[in-house]
Amino acid sequence: MGLSQALSTAMSGLRANQAALSLVSSNVANAETPGYVRKTINQVQTIAGGGTSVQTVGVNRVLDSYIQSQLRTETSGAAYASARANALSNLQSVYGDPDSSATIESAFNSLTAALQALSTSPDLQSARTGVLNAAQALAQQLNSTTQGIQALRANSDTQIGNAVSTANNAMAQIASINLKLQGSSSQDAATAALLDQRDQYITQLSQQMDIRVVTNGNQVSIFTGSGIQLVNGVDAVQMTFTPQGSMSAETQWNIDPAKSNLSSITIDAPNGGGIDLVAANAFRSGSIAANLELRDRTLVQAQEQVDQLAAAMASALSDKTTDGVAYPRLRAPYRPARQPASIWHFPLLRTCKTGTPFTSAIRIQSPGRSTTCPSFL
């Protein structure tokens, strides 16, 4: 081996070590960088002019594809659980601390105590006033709870809109990176960096919804867990969603668009039609699935429970008439239907148009239910 060959071999070794040291330095510097994958130099031996040398031919990403797939699945599950936990914690705050006086339970107990006091001393004005005040407090607490629940539903609706925007951006970026990688067979540092970026966007997408990733060379296609394609190489769909803003007990989603007054999530199908992803049950995990479940089921059920309590109180205090000791009975029962809870107080011994006198009464309407009162002279 001549001197020039020896120098060439030494220089190739130095260049390979320099590239390896640079990569190690990058690995250390980015150890805490989200989405960064550790990389190694791919070196091969070459023979030229009777001597051997080393050549750097690419960069390898040290990545276990199975673990990566499991990570994305667990990321969806964690986002789903986190969204539900936060909303249910806020719902508990709406219900209030059991030891607090600002709860439905406390207001109900106060009304029960006031009614018991009235039953023992029906002739005392203070006892009757106490019942009216306690009933008004209960109605206000029912209204406050309803408003809190509907605010949580509105917040879930807003979170759906935010998640859809994030998912749309992630899908567009994935398709863009696919385009940059299209036709490229090199495994240099620039290509490895693009693959890191794409994986980060895929992980971001998995936080919003459950997905399945199919790899073909350096291209990826992405499907929902139910099989609807979201990214096909360089093409990505865009989801459409319109947040409602304010909510009421009557604001509900229905699979029939004609009956629904809440926005669904749709995409444009390749044939020009639209796909309703909510109706197709495309979201089974992730932030979107959690907030859809909260908005359309969990918090709706919470509202129904409050309505049932209010309706039961309305029935107990208004739909049943009981003979009083010194006062005539109510003329007729009242039928609950849907509007904010309120208290109706009829003064003693007023007369309906029929001439029938009736007693002082308390009417508690269930939140969101209306009623038609009789006409009085």
Protein backbone atom coordinates (compact mmCIF):
# COMPACT_ATOMS: atom_id res chain seq x y z
CA MET A 1 0.00 0.00 0.00
CA GLY A 2 1.43 3.32 -1.08
CA LEU A 3 1.53 6.45 1.04
CA SER A 4 -1.27 8.09 -0.93
CA GLN A 5 -3.52 5.05 -0.45
CA ALA A 6 -2.80 5.00 3.25
CA LEU A 7 -3.68 8.69 3.53
CA SER A 8 -6.89 8.14 1.55
CA THR A 9 -7.91 5.31 3.88
CA ALA A 10 -7.13 7.40 6.93
CA MET A 11 -9.10 10.37 5.58
CA SER A 12 -12.17 8.21 4.83
CA GLY A 13 -12.05 6.85 8.35
CA LEU A 14 -11.82 10.36 9.79
CA ARG A 15 -14.76 11.55 7.69
CA ALA A 16 -16.87 8.58 8.80
CA ASN A 17 -16.00 9.19 12.46
CA GLN A 18 -16.73 12.88 12.08
CA ALA A 19 -20.17 12.12 10.65
CA ALA A 20 -20.82 9.61 13.45
CA LEU A 21 -19.75 12.11 16.13
CA SER A 22 -21.99 14.78 14.60
CA LEU A 23 -24.91 12.38 14.69
CA VAL A 24 -24.20 11.36 18.30
CA SER A 25 -24.10 15.04 19.22
CA SER A 26 -27.48 15.56 17.53
CA ASN A 27 -28.93 12.53 19.37
CA VAL A 28 -27.80 13.91 22.73
CA ALA A 29 -29.02 17.43 22.00
CA ASN A 30 -32.47 16.17 20.92
CA ALA A 31 -32.91 13.53 23.61
CA GLU A 32 -35.87 15.50 25.07
CA THR A 33 -37.23 16.77 21.75
CA PRO A 34 -40.78 15.42 21.15
CA GLY A 35 -40.92 13.20 18.08
CA TYR A 36 -37.14 12.90 17.64
CA VAL A 37 -35.91 9.38 16.86
CA ARG A 38 -32.34 8.33 17.66
CA LYS A 39 -30.23 7.85 14.56
CA THR A 40 -27.10 5.91 13.60
CA ILE A 41 -24.67 6.10 10.68
CA ASN A 42 -24.83 3.39 8.05
CA GLN A 43 -21.23 2.64 7.02
CA VAL A 44 -19.93 0.23 4.36
CA GLN A 45 -16.47 -0.99 3.44
CA THR A 46 -15.10 -0.08 0.00
CA ILE A 47 -12.13 -1.46 -1.92
CA ALA A 48 -10.28 0.76 -4.37
CA GLY A 49 -6.71 0.78 -5.72
CA GLY A 50 -5.71 -2.26 -3.76
CA GLY A 51 -6.76 -0.74 -0.45
CA THR A 52 -9.85 -0.60 1.70
CA SER A 53 -11.70 2.37 3.16
CA VAL A 54 -15.01 3.18 4.83
CA GLN A 55 -17.87 5.15 3.35
CA THR A 56 -21.02 6.66 4.92
CA VAL A 57 -24.04 5.69 2.83
CA GLY A 58 -27.00 6.79 4.93
CA VAL A 59 -28.68 7.40 8.26
CA ASN A 60 -30.70 4.76 10.08
CA ARG A 61 -33.59 5.62 12.44
CA VAL A 62 -33.55 3.37 15.50
CA LEU A 63 -37.28 2.66 15.70
CA ASP A 64 -39.48 -0.31 16.63
CA SER A 65 -42.56 -0.05 14.39
CA TYR A 66 -44.66 -2.32 16.64
CA ILE A 67 -43.98 -0.22 19.74
CA GLN A 68 -44.70 2.91 17.71
CA SER A 69 -48.07 1.50 16.65
CA GLN A 70 -48.94 0.62 20.25
CA LEU A 71 -47.88 4.09 21.38
CA ARG A 72 -50.33 5.67 18.96
CA THR A 73 -53.14 3.42 20.21
CA GLU A 74 -52.37 4.31 23.82
CA THR A 75 -52.09 8.00 22.93
CA SER A 76 -55.67 7.91 21.63
CA GLY A 77 -56.84 6.14 24.77
CA ALA A 78 -55.03 8.58 27.05
CA ALA A 79 -56.53 11.61 25.27
CA TYR A 80 -60.00 10.05 25.55
CA ALA A 81 -59.60 9.35 29.27
CA SER A 82 -58.12 12.79 29.97
CA ALA A 83 -60.96 14.64 28.22
CA ARG A 84 -63.61 12.66 30.11
CA ALA A 85 -61.83 13.01 33.46
CA ASN A 86 -61.59 16.80 33.09
CA ALA A 87 -65.24 17.14 32.10
CA LEU A 88 -66.51 14.86 34.88
CA SER A 89 -64.40 16.77 37.41
CA ASN A 90 -66.06 19.98 36.21
CA LEU A 91 -69.47 18.28 36.43
CA GLN A 92 -68.75 17.38 40.05
CA SER A 93 -67.99 21.06 40.66
CA VAL A 94 -71.39 21.94 39.16
CA TYR A 95 -73.08 19.49 41.55
CA GLY A 96 -71.08 20.96 44.42
CA ASP A 97 -69.35 19.56 47.47
CA PRO A 98 -71.74 17.33 49.45
CA ASP A 99 -70.78 19.27 52.59
CA SER A 100 -71.60 22.61 50.97
CA SER A 101 -74.86 24.49 51.35
CA ALA A 102 -74.87 25.38 47.64
CA THR A 103 -76.11 22.00 46.39
CA ILE A 104 -79.42 20.53 45.25
CA GLU A 105 -79.31 18.14 48.20
CA SER A 106 -78.95 20.96 50.70
CA ALA A 107 -81.74 22.98 49.06
CA PHE A 108 -84.00 19.92 48.98
CA ASN A 109 -83.33 19.20 52.67
CA SER A 110 -84.12 22.82 53.53
CA LEU A 111 -87.43 22.60 51.65
CA THR A 112 -88.28 19.32 53.37
CA ALA A 113 -87.61 20.87 56.78
CA ALA A 114 -89.70 23.93 55.88
CA LEU A 115 -92.62 21.77 54.73
CA GLN A 116 -92.46 19.76 57.94
CA ALA A 117 -92.56 22.98 59.94
CA LEU A 118 -95.55 24.15 57.87
CA SER A 119 -97.39 20.87 58.45
CA THR A 120 -97.19 21.35 62.19
CA SER A 121 -98.09 25.06 62.14
CA PRO A 122 -100.07 25.77 58.94
CA ASP A 123 -101.53 28.96 60.38
CA LEU A 124 -98.16 30.67 60.91
CA GLN A 125 -97.21 33.21 58.23
CA SER A 126 -93.52 32.64 59.01
CA ALA A 127 -93.88 28.92 58.26
CA ARG A 128 -95.53 29.62 54.91
CA THR A 129 -92.90 32.24 54.05
CA GLY A 130 -90.19 29.75 54.99
CA VAL A 131 -91.59 27.18 52.57
CA LEU A 132 -91.75 29.72 49.75
CA ASN A 133 -88.18 30.86 50.36
CA ALA A 134 -86.89 27.28 50.52
CA ALA A 135 -88.77 26.36 47.35
CA GLN A 136 -87.37 29.41 45.55
CA ALA A 137 -83.84 28.44 46.64
CA LEU A 138 -84.36 24.90 45.33
CA ALA A 139 -85.64 26.20 42.00
CA GLN A 140 -82.64 28.52 41.71
CA GLN A 141 -80.28 25.65 42.50
CA LEU A 142 -81.93 23.48 39.84
CA ASN A 143 -81.57 26.30 37.32
CA SER A 144 -77.94 26.86 38.29
CA THR A 145 -77.19 23.16 37.86
CA THR A 146 -78.87 23.13 34.45
CA GLN A 147 -76.86 26.16 33.34
CA GLY A 148 -73.65 24.50 34.53
CA ILE A 149 -74.39 21.29 32.65
CA GLN A 150 -75.23 23.15 29.44
CA ALA A 151 -72.03 25.19 29.78
CA LEU A 152 -70.07 21.93 29.97
CA ARG A 153 -71.84 20.68 26.84
CA ALA A 154 -70.97 23.92 25.05
CA ASN A 155 -67.35 23.52 26.14
CA SER A 156 -67.26 19.96 24.79
CA ASP A 157 -68.68 21.25 21.51
CA THR A 158 -65.92 23.86 21.36
CA GLN A 159 -63.29 21.21 22.12
CA ILE A 160 -64.61 19.13 19.22
CA GLY A 161 -64.10 22.11 16.91
CA ASN A 162 -60.55 22.61 18.17
CA ALA A 163 -59.73 18.92 17.77
CA VAL A 164 -61.11 18.87 14.21
CA SER A 165 -58.94 21.87 13.28
CA THR A 166 -55.86 20.19 14.77
CA ALA A 167 -56.63 16.93 12.95
CA ASN A 168 -57.15 18.71 9.63
CA ASN A 169 -53.79 20.47 9.96
CA ALA A 170 -52.03 17.22 10.90
CA MET A 171 -53.49 15.35 7.91
CA ALA A 172 -52.52 18.16 5.53
CA GLN A 173 -48.94 18.14 6.87
CA ILE A 174 -48.68 14.35 6.55
CA ALA A 175 -49.80 14.53 2.91
CA SER A 176 -47.32 17.37 2.28
CA ILE A 177 -44.41 15.36 3.70
CA ASN A 178 -45.50 12.34 1.66
CA LEU A 179 -45.20 14.55 -1.41
CA LYS A 180 -41.66 15.64 -0.44
CA LEU A 181 -40.62 12.02 0.08
CA GLN A 182 -42.29 10.74 -3.07
CA GLY A 183 -39.77 9.06 -5.37
CA SER A 184 -36.91 9.55 -2.90
CA SER A 185 -34.86 6.43 -2.13
CA SER A 186 -32.06 8.11 -0.18
CA GLN A 187 -31.66 7.66 3.57
CA ASP A 188 -29.78 10.84 4.36
CA ALA A 189 -30.21 13.07 7.39
CA ALA A 190 -32.72 15.31 5.60
CA THR A 191 -34.97 12.34 4.78
CA ALA A 192 -34.72 11.06 8.36
CA ALA A 193 -35.73 14.51 9.65
CA LEU A 194 -38.80 14.50 7.37
CA LEU A 195 -39.78 11.06 8.64
CA ASP A 196 -39.49 12.34 12.22
CA GLN A 197 -41.76 15.28 11.39
CA ARG A 198 -44.33 13.04 9.75
CA ASP A 199 -44.38 10.66 12.72
CA GLN A 200 -44.93 13.61 15.02
CA TYR A 201 -47.95 14.74 13.01
CA ILE A 202 -49.30 11.18 13.01
CA THR A 203 -48.96 11.08 16.81
CA GLN A 204 -50.72 14.46 16.99
CA LEU A 205 -53.55 13.06 14.86
CA SER A 206 -53.79 9.98 17.10
CA GLN A 207 -54.48 12.27 20.08
CA GLN A 208 -57.62 13.50 18.34
CA MET A 209 -58.93 10.15 17.05
CA ASP A 210 -58.11 6.46 16.77
CA ILE A 211 -56.21 5.74 13.55
CA ARG A 212 -54.55 2.93 11.62
CA VAL A 213 -51.36 3.64 9.66
CA VAL A 214 -50.34 1.64 6.58
CA THR A 215 -46.73 2.10 5.33
CA ASN A 216 -45.67 1.55 1.72
CA GLY A 217 -42.00 2.38 1.27
CA ASN A 218 -41.57 5.95 2.47
CA GLN A 219 -45.29 6.71 1.95
CA VAL A 220 -48.07 6.28 4.51
CA SER A 221 -51.85 5.99 4.26
CA ILE A 222 -54.04 6.67 7.28
CA PHE A 223 -57.46 5.24 8.11
CA THR A 224 -59.82 5.67 11.03
CA GLY A 225 -60.16 2.71 13.33
CA SER A 226 -63.43 1.92 11.56
CA GLY A 227 -61.73 1.86 8.14
CA ILE A 228 -62.50 5.28 6.59
CA GLN A 229 -59.48 6.61 4.68
CA LEU A 230 -58.17 10.00 5.78
CA VAL A 231 -54.79 10.25 4.01
CA ASN A 232 -53.97 8.52 0.74
CA GLY A 233 -50.38 9.31 -0.17
CA VAL A 234 -50.30 12.99 -1.15
CA ASP A 235 -54.08 13.47 -0.71
CA ALA A 236 -55.75 14.24 2.61
CA VAL A 237 -59.42 14.77 3.45
CA GLN A 238 -60.64 17.75 5.43
CA MET A 239 -63.26 17.32 8.12
CA THR A 240 -66.03 19.90 8.48
CA PHE A 241 -67.57 20.91 11.81
CA THR A 242 -69.44 24.01 12.99
CA PRO A 243 -69.43 24.64 16.77
CA GLN A 244 -72.85 25.49 18.19
CA GLY A 245 -71.78 28.10 20.71
CA SER A 246 -74.51 28.27 23.37
CA MET A 247 -76.48 25.23 24.51
CA SER A 248 -79.87 24.50 26.03
CA ALA A 249 -81.55 21.28 27.15
CA GLU A 250 -83.31 21.11 23.77
CA THR A 251 -80.05 21.41 21.79
CA GLN A 252 -79.29 17.82 20.85
CA TRP A 253 -77.64 15.80 18.09
CA ASN A 254 -79.68 13.30 16.09
CA ILE A 255 -78.60 10.84 13.41
CA ASP A 256 -81.37 12.33 11.26
CA PRO A 257 -80.06 15.75 10.10
CA ALA A 258 -83.63 17.07 9.90
CA LYS A 259 -84.06 16.45 13.64
CA SER A 260 -80.59 17.49 14.76
CA ASN A 261 -79.74 21.00 15.91
CA LEU A 262 -76.07 20.23 16.63
CA SER A 263 -73.32 20.00 14.03
CA SER A 264 -71.91 16.65 13.00
CA ILE A 265 -68.44 15.95 11.58
CA THR A 266 -68.40 15.27 7.86
CA ILE A 267 -65.87 14.70 5.09
CA ASP A 268 -66.24 14.85 1.32
CA ALA A 269 -66.22 11.39 -0.22
CA PRO A 270 -64.14 10.67 -3.38
CA ASN A 271 -67.36 10.28 -5.40
CA GLY A 272 -68.45 13.77 -4.43
CA GLY A 273 -70.85 12.74 -1.66
CA GLY A 274 -70.40 13.38 2.03
CA ILE A 275 -69.73 11.00 4.91
CA ASP A 276 -71.08 11.76 8.37
CA LEU A 277 -68.30 10.42 10.60
CA VAL A 278 -70.41 10.69 13.77
CA ALA A 279 -73.30 8.73 12.28
CA ALA A 280 -70.79 6.20 10.89
CA ASN A 281 -69.34 5.74 14.40
CA ALA A 282 -65.89 6.58 13.05
CA PHE A 283 -64.62 7.96 16.37
CA ARG A 284 -64.00 5.34 19.01
CA SER A 285 -61.13 6.87 20.96
CA GLY A 286 -59.21 10.12 21.23
CA SER A 287 -60.28 13.63 22.17
CA ILE A 288 -63.03 13.87 19.54
CA ALA A 289 -64.73 10.64 20.65
CA ALA A 290 -64.62 11.70 24.31
CA ASN A 291 -66.14 15.13 23.69
CA LEU A 292 -68.82 13.72 21.38
CA GLU A 293 -69.79 11.25 24.09
CA LEU A 294 -69.84 14.00 26.70
CA ARG A 295 -71.87 16.40 24.54
CA ASP A 296 -74.42 13.89 23.22
CA ARG A 297 -74.75 11.27 25.96
CA THR A 298 -73.04 11.72 29.34
CA LEU A 299 -74.05 15.35 29.97
CA VAL A 300 -77.46 14.84 28.36
CA GLN A 301 -78.09 12.04 30.86
CA ALA A 302 -76.95 14.34 33.68
CA GLN A 303 -79.50 16.94 32.53
CA GLU A 304 -82.23 14.31 32.34
CA GLN A 305 -81.53 13.33 35.95
CA VAL A 306 -81.96 16.94 37.06
CA ASP A 307 -85.16 17.18 35.01
CA GLN A 308 -86.50 13.98 36.58
CA LEU A 309 -85.84 15.35 40.07
CA ALA A 310 -87.56 18.64 39.22
CA ALA A 311 -90.49 16.84 37.59
CA ALA A 312 -90.89 14.63 40.65
CA MET A 313 -90.93 17.71 42.87
CA ALA A 314 -93.46 19.38 40.59
CA SER A 315 -95.67 16.31 40.74
CA ALA A 316 -95.36 16.00 44.51
CA LEU A 317 -96.17 19.65 45.17
CA SER A 318 -98.62 20.45 42.37
CA ASP A 319 -100.10 17.38 40.71
CA LYS A 320 -101.53 15.97 43.94
CA THR A 321 -104.11 17.78 46.04
CA THR A 322 -104.52 17.10 49.73
CA ASP A 323 -107.36 18.31 51.91
CA GLY A 324 -106.17 21.07 54.21
CA VAL A 325 -107.29 21.65 57.77
CA ALA A 326 -108.87 25.04 57.20
CA TYR A 327 -108.46 25.72 53.49
CA PRO A 328 -110.20 24.37 50.35
CA ARG A 329 -108.29 22.31 47.79
CA LEU A 330 -106.60 23.37 44.58
CA ARG A 331 -108.99 23.49 41.65
CA ALA A 332 -106.92 21.47 39.20
CA PRO A 333 -103.48 19.91 38.80
CA TYR A 334 -100.80 21.42 36.57
CA ARG A 335 -99.15 19.45 33.81
CA PRO A 336 -95.36 19.84 33.49
CA ALA A 337 -93.85 20.35 30.08
CA ARG A 338 -90.21 22.15 29.40
CA GLN A 339 -88.65 25.57 30.58
CA PRO A 340 -86.37 26.91 33.40
CA ALA A 341 -87.33 26.00 36.94
CA SER A 342 -89.37 28.59 38.78
CA ILE A 343 -91.65 29.05 41.75
CA TRP A 344 -95.33 29.92 41.43
CA HIS A 345 -97.02 31.30 44.56
CA PHE A 346 -100.76 31.82 44.54
CA PRO A 347 -102.12 34.01 47.37
CA LEU A 348 -104.54 32.52 49.83
CA LEU A 349 -108.23 32.18 48.98
CA ARG A 350 -108.21 33.76 45.53
CA THR A 351 -111.02 32.69 43.22
CA CYS A 352 -110.87 31.15 39.76
CA LYS A 353 -113.34 32.21 37.08
CA THR A 354 -115.51 29.26 38.07
CA GLY A 355 -115.88 30.79 41.50
CA THR A 356 -114.04 27.91 43.16
CA PRO A 357 -111.65 29.12 45.88
CA PHE A 358 -108.20 27.49 46.10
CA THR A 359 -105.39 27.38 48.62
CA SER A 360 -101.94 28.91 48.49
CA ALA A 361 -99.71 26.59 46.44
CA ILE A 362 -96.09 26.14 45.41
CA ARG A 363 -95.30 25.10 41.85
CA ILE A 364 -91.75 23.98 40.99
CA GLN A 365 -91.26 23.55 37.26
CA SER A 366 -88.55 21.18 36.06
CA PRO A 367 -85.61 22.87 34.31
CA GLY A 368 -86.45 23.41 30.68
CA ARG A 369 -90.16 22.56 31.05
CA SER A 370 -93.16 24.88 30.60
CA THR A 371 -96.67 24.75 31.96
CA THR A 372 -99.99 26.45 31.33
CA CYS A 373 -101.45 28.05 34.43
CA PRO A 374 -105.19 28.60 34.83
CA SER A 375 -106.64 32.03 34.24
CA PHE A 376 -107.75 34.03 37.26
CA LEU A 377 -110.14 36.87 37.78
